């Protein structure tokens, strides 16, 4: 009888313990918050290739290896522009160079072999001025791809050959007669025509600039030439 009571009590205690454990488990389950549907992993959205900007293209250098920027291609202020030279401009270059070379050679002879100090001083000035002008014209023509001939016109070369055989006062007279006022009038006419009708702007500027020098030469030559030749 006592044994039956003990067993019944044990069963009651076991049930009570089970209930306590179950209640505790339920309380722990209530303490855990349910998962939030918004708490999803931060997964990046897929990228649309069409919206991704393309990298800028790599500039391709010009075939000649020069920079393609404006700073690399722009001409410096006052620099001659490259380009083909028209036929009329080519003719001017050839004739102006021939006349200039002849003036330099004739003036060299007069400055070294002449007699009159005034004529010798005039010749020295012409030699320097025409040498400078020839160099400018040569540089301009070269920058535009033209090769300038250094051959003097045969008729003028004949006068130079005769001048070389002379000396003293005789040379002074022949120099002023062939390379003084009359020669400069012809050269001024050539340069005036070029200054007015030139197609190349650089050659036009050269002609305009040189005209002042040529006119000063003409004035000096007219002061030196004999009175009988002043009207020429």
Protein backbone atom coordinates (compact mmCIF):
# COMPACT_ATOMS: atom_id res chain seq x y z
CA UNK A 1 0.00 0.00 0.00
CA UNK A 2 2.77 2.37 0.94
CA UNK A 3 4.66 1.30 -2.14
CA UNK A 4 1.71 2.25 -4.37
CA UNK A 5 1.57 5.70 -2.81
CA UNK A 6 5.28 6.23 -3.41
CA UNK A 7 4.97 5.26 -7.06
CA UNK A 8 1.99 7.56 -7.52
CA UNK A 9 3.88 10.41 -5.95
CA UNK A 10 6.84 9.78 -8.19
CA UNK A 11 4.63 9.92 -11.25
CA UNK A 12 3.11 13.19 -10.08
CA UNK A 13 6.57 14.68 -9.53
CA UNK A 14 7.69 13.53 -12.97
CA UNK A 15 4.66 15.08 -14.62
CA UNK A 16 5.20 18.31 -12.69
CA UNK A 17 8.83 18.43 -13.77
CA UNK A 18 7.81 17.83 -17.36
CA UNK A 19 5.30 20.65 -17.19
CA UNK A 20 7.91 23.00 -15.73
CA UNK A 21 10.37 22.15 -18.47
CA UNK A 22 7.72 22.64 -21.16
CA UNK A 23 6.67 26.01 -19.77
CA UNK A 24 10.29 27.19 -19.63
CA UNK A 25 10.83 26.13 -23.23
CA UNK A 26 7.78 28.04 -24.36
CA UNK A 27 8.94 31.16 -22.54
CA UNK A 28 12.33 30.95 -24.23
CA UNK A 29 10.66 30.56 -27.62
CA UNK A 30 8.55 33.66 -27.01
CA UNK A 31 11.68 35.67 -26.15
CA UNK A 32 13.22 35.02 -29.60
CA UNK A 33 11.76 37.60 -32.10
CA UNK A 34 10.41 36.25 -35.34
CA UNK A 35 12.55 36.87 -38.42
CA UNK A 36 11.96 40.24 -40.11
CA UNK A 37 11.12 39.74 -43.77
CA UNK A 38 12.95 42.98 -44.57
CA UNK A 39 16.20 41.75 -43.02
CA UNK A 40 17.46 40.22 -46.25
CA UNK A 41 21.15 40.02 -47.18
CA UNK A 42 22.46 43.19 -48.86
CA UNK A 43 22.89 41.69 -52.33
CA UNK A 44 23.92 44.24 -55.07
CA UNK A 45 21.51 44.67 -57.93
CA UNK A 46 22.62 43.34 -61.31
CA UNK A 47 24.33 45.98 -63.50
CA UNK A 48 22.86 46.77 -66.90
CA UNK A 49 25.76 46.91 -69.39
CA UNK A 50 23.91 49.49 -71.47
CA UNK A 51 24.02 52.00 -68.57
CA UNK A 52 27.76 51.66 -67.89
CA UNK A 53 29.68 54.56 -69.56
CA UNK A 54 32.39 53.47 -71.95
CA UNK A 55 35.95 54.66 -71.23
CA UNK A 56 37.13 57.55 -73.44
CA UNK A 57 38.95 56.40 -76.58
CA UNK A 58 42.72 56.59 -76.58
CA UNK A 59 43.82 59.35 -78.99
CA UNK A 60 45.71 58.05 -82.00
CA UNK A 61 48.81 60.10 -82.88
CA UNK A 62 49.01 61.52 -86.43
CA UNK A 63 51.09 59.53 -88.94
CA UNK A 64 53.95 62.01 -88.77
CA UNK A 65 54.25 61.57 -85.03
CA UNK A 66 53.33 65.14 -84.13
CA UNK A 67 50.98 65.93 -81.28
CA UNK A 68 47.35 66.27 -82.23
CA UNK A 69 46.60 69.09 -79.85
CA UNK A 70 46.04 72.64 -80.94
CA UNK A 71 49.26 73.66 -79.23
CA UNK A 72 51.19 71.14 -81.30
CA UNK A 73 49.72 72.09 -84.66
CA UNK A 74 49.18 75.83 -84.46
CA UNK A 75 51.76 77.96 -86.16
CA UNK A 76 53.69 80.43 -84.11
CA UNK A 77 52.73 84.06 -84.60
CA UNK A 78 54.59 85.54 -87.55
CA UNK A 79 55.76 82.15 -88.83
CA UNK A 80 55.36 81.52 -92.59
CA UNK A 81 52.47 79.28 -93.58
CA UNK A 82 53.22 76.12 -95.52
CA UNK A 83 51.52 75.41 -98.82
CA UNK A 84 52.03 75.24 -102.56
CA UNK A 85 53.19 78.39 -104.31
CA UNK A 86 51.23 79.66 -107.31
CA UNK A 87 52.92 80.08 -110.68
CA UNK A 88 53.03 83.89 -110.55
CA UNK A 89 54.52 83.82 -107.06
CA UNK A 90 57.14 81.31 -108.21
CA UNK A 91 58.13 83.60 -111.05
CA UNK A 92 58.51 86.49 -108.63
CA UNK A 93 60.76 84.45 -106.33
CA UNK A 94 63.01 83.41 -109.20
CA UNK A 95 63.34 86.91 -110.67
CA UNK A 96 63.74 88.65 -107.31
CA UNK A 97 66.44 86.20 -106.27
CA UNK A 98 68.30 86.62 -109.56
CA UNK A 99 68.23 90.41 -109.26
CA UNK A 100 69.23 90.29 -105.61
CA UNK A 101 72.19 88.02 -106.24
CA UNK A 102 73.38 90.26 -109.07
CA UNK A 103 73.17 93.35 -106.84
CA UNK A 104 75.21 91.61 -104.14
CA UNK A 105 77.96 90.59 -106.56
CA UNK A 106 78.10 93.96 -108.34
CA UNK A 107 78.18 95.81 -105.02
CA UNK A 108 80.98 93.55 -103.78
CA UNK A 109 83.09 94.48 -106.83
CA UNK A 110 82.35 98.20 -106.45
CA UNK A 111 83.11 98.17 -102.72
CA UNK A 112 86.48 96.48 -103.21
CA UNK A 113 87.68 97.86 -106.57
CA UNK A 114 85.94 101.23 -106.89
CA UNK A 115 87.55 104.64 -106.41
CA UNK A 116 84.89 107.06 -105.14
CA UNK A 117 84.37 106.73 -101.34
CA UNK A 118 80.69 107.63 -101.71
CA UNK A 119 80.16 104.96 -104.34
CA UNK A 120 82.04 102.43 -102.21
CA UNK A 121 79.89 103.25 -99.16
CA UNK A 122 76.75 102.96 -101.29
CA UNK A 123 77.94 99.60 -102.61
CA UNK A 124 78.63 98.31 -99.10
CA UNK A 125 75.11 99.24 -97.99
CA UNK A 126 73.54 97.55 -101.02
CA UNK A 127 75.63 94.43 -100.51
CA UNK A 128 74.38 94.08 -96.93
CA UNK A 129 70.73 94.97 -97.62
CA UNK A 130 70.38 92.70 -100.64
CA UNK A 131 72.10 89.84 -98.81
CA UNK A 132 69.56 90.15 -95.99
CA UNK A 133 66.64 90.27 -98.45
CA UNK A 134 67.96 87.25 -100.36
CA UNK A 135 68.21 85.24 -97.15
CA UNK A 136 64.63 86.12 -96.15
CA UNK A 137 63.32 85.18 -99.58
CA UNK A 138 65.30 81.94 -99.58
CA UNK A 139 63.92 81.02 -96.15
CA UNK A 140 60.34 81.78 -97.24
CA UNK A 141 60.62 79.69 -100.40
CA UNK A 142 62.19 76.77 -98.53
CA UNK A 143 59.43 76.80 -95.90
CA UNK A 144 56.92 76.38 -98.73
CA UNK A 145 58.75 73.53 -100.40
CA UNK A 146 60.30 75.49 -103.26
CA UNK A 147 63.93 75.16 -104.27
CA UNK A 148 65.26 78.54 -105.42
CA UNK A 149 67.80 78.71 -108.21
CA UNK A 150 70.94 80.72 -107.52
CA UNK A 151 71.61 81.28 -111.22
CA UNK A 152 71.76 84.91 -112.34
CA UNK A 153 70.02 85.90 -115.57
CA UNK A 154 72.51 85.44 -118.45
CA UNK A 155 72.14 89.04 -119.68
CA UNK A 156 72.84 90.40 -116.19
CA UNK A 157 75.68 87.94 -115.70
CA UNK A 158 77.30 89.40 -118.83
CA UNK A 159 77.27 92.85 -117.21
CA UNK A 160 78.86 91.38 -114.09
CA UNK A 161 81.59 89.78 -116.18
CA UNK A 162 82.37 93.15 -117.76
CA UNK A 163 82.30 94.89 -114.39
CA UNK A 164 84.83 92.45 -112.98
CA UNK A 165 87.35 93.53 -115.63
CA UNK A 166 87.16 97.18 -114.52
CA UNK A 167 88.51 99.13 -111.58
CA UNK A 168 88.67 102.64 -110.17
CA UNK A 169 86.52 105.42 -111.60
CA UNK A 170 85.66 103.37 -114.65
CA UNK A 171 84.17 100.69 -112.44
CA UNK A 172 82.25 103.31 -110.44
CA UNK A 173 80.57 104.61 -113.60
CA UNK A 174 79.72 101.15 -114.93
CA UNK A 175 78.38 100.08 -111.53
CA UNK A 176 76.05 103.04 -111.18
CA UNK A 177 74.95 102.74 -114.80
CA UNK A 178 74.05 99.05 -114.69
CA UNK A 179 73.16 98.41 -111.04
CA UNK A 180 72.20 101.84 -109.73
CA UNK A 181 69.07 103.87 -110.39
CA UNK A 182 67.81 102.16 -113.57
CA UNK A 183 68.19 98.66 -112.11
CA UNK A 184 66.40 99.64 -108.92
CA UNK A 185 63.51 101.19 -110.80
CA UNK A 186 62.94 97.87 -112.54
CA UNK A 187 63.22 95.96 -109.27
CA UNK A 188 60.79 98.33 -107.54
CA UNK A 189 58.26 97.76 -110.33
CA UNK A 190 58.61 94.00 -109.80
CA UNK A 191 58.07 94.28 -106.05
CA UNK A 192 55.15 96.72 -106.37
CA UNK A 193 53.37 94.27 -108.65
CA UNK A 194 54.00 91.44 -106.19
CA UNK A 195 52.79 93.50 -103.24
CA UNK A 196 49.54 94.15 -105.10
CA UNK A 197 48.86 90.82 -106.83
CA UNK A 198 50.60 88.17 -104.70
CA UNK A 199 48.49 85.13 -103.88
CA UNK A 200 50.72 84.01 -101.01
CA UNK A 201 50.30 86.31 -97.96
CA UNK A 202 53.87 85.76 -96.76
CA UNK A 203 55.35 86.73 -100.13
CA UNK A 204 53.05 89.74 -100.25
CA UNK A 205 54.33 90.87 -96.84
CA UNK A 206 57.93 90.30 -97.94
CA UNK A 207 57.44 92.45 -101.04
CA UNK A 208 55.81 95.24 -99.04
CA UNK A 209 58.58 95.21 -96.45
CA UNK A 210 61.41 95.18 -99.02
CA UNK A 211 59.95 98.01 -101.08
CA UNK A 212 61.00 100.57 -98.49
CA UNK A 213 64.61 99.38 -98.69
CA UNK A 214 64.60 99.43 -102.50
CA UNK A 215 63.21 102.96 -102.64
CA UNK A 216 65.92 104.20 -100.29
CA UNK A 217 68.50 102.58 -102.60
CA UNK A 218 66.99 104.36 -105.59
CA UNK A 219 67.17 107.72 -103.84
CA UNK A 220 70.83 107.19 -102.98
CA UNK A 221 71.67 106.01 -106.50
CA UNK A 222 70.03 109.09 -108.03
CA UNK A 223 72.18 111.32 -105.81
CA UNK A 224 75.35 109.55 -106.97
CA UNK A 225 74.75 109.18 -110.68
CA UNK A 226 76.18 111.76 -113.13
CA UNK A 227 74.02 114.78 -113.88
CA UNK A 228 73.56 113.66 -117.49
CA UNK A 229 72.04 110.38 -116.38
CA UNK A 230 69.66 111.85 -113.78
CA UNK A 231 66.68 111.74 -116.14
CA UNK A 232 67.01 108.00 -116.76
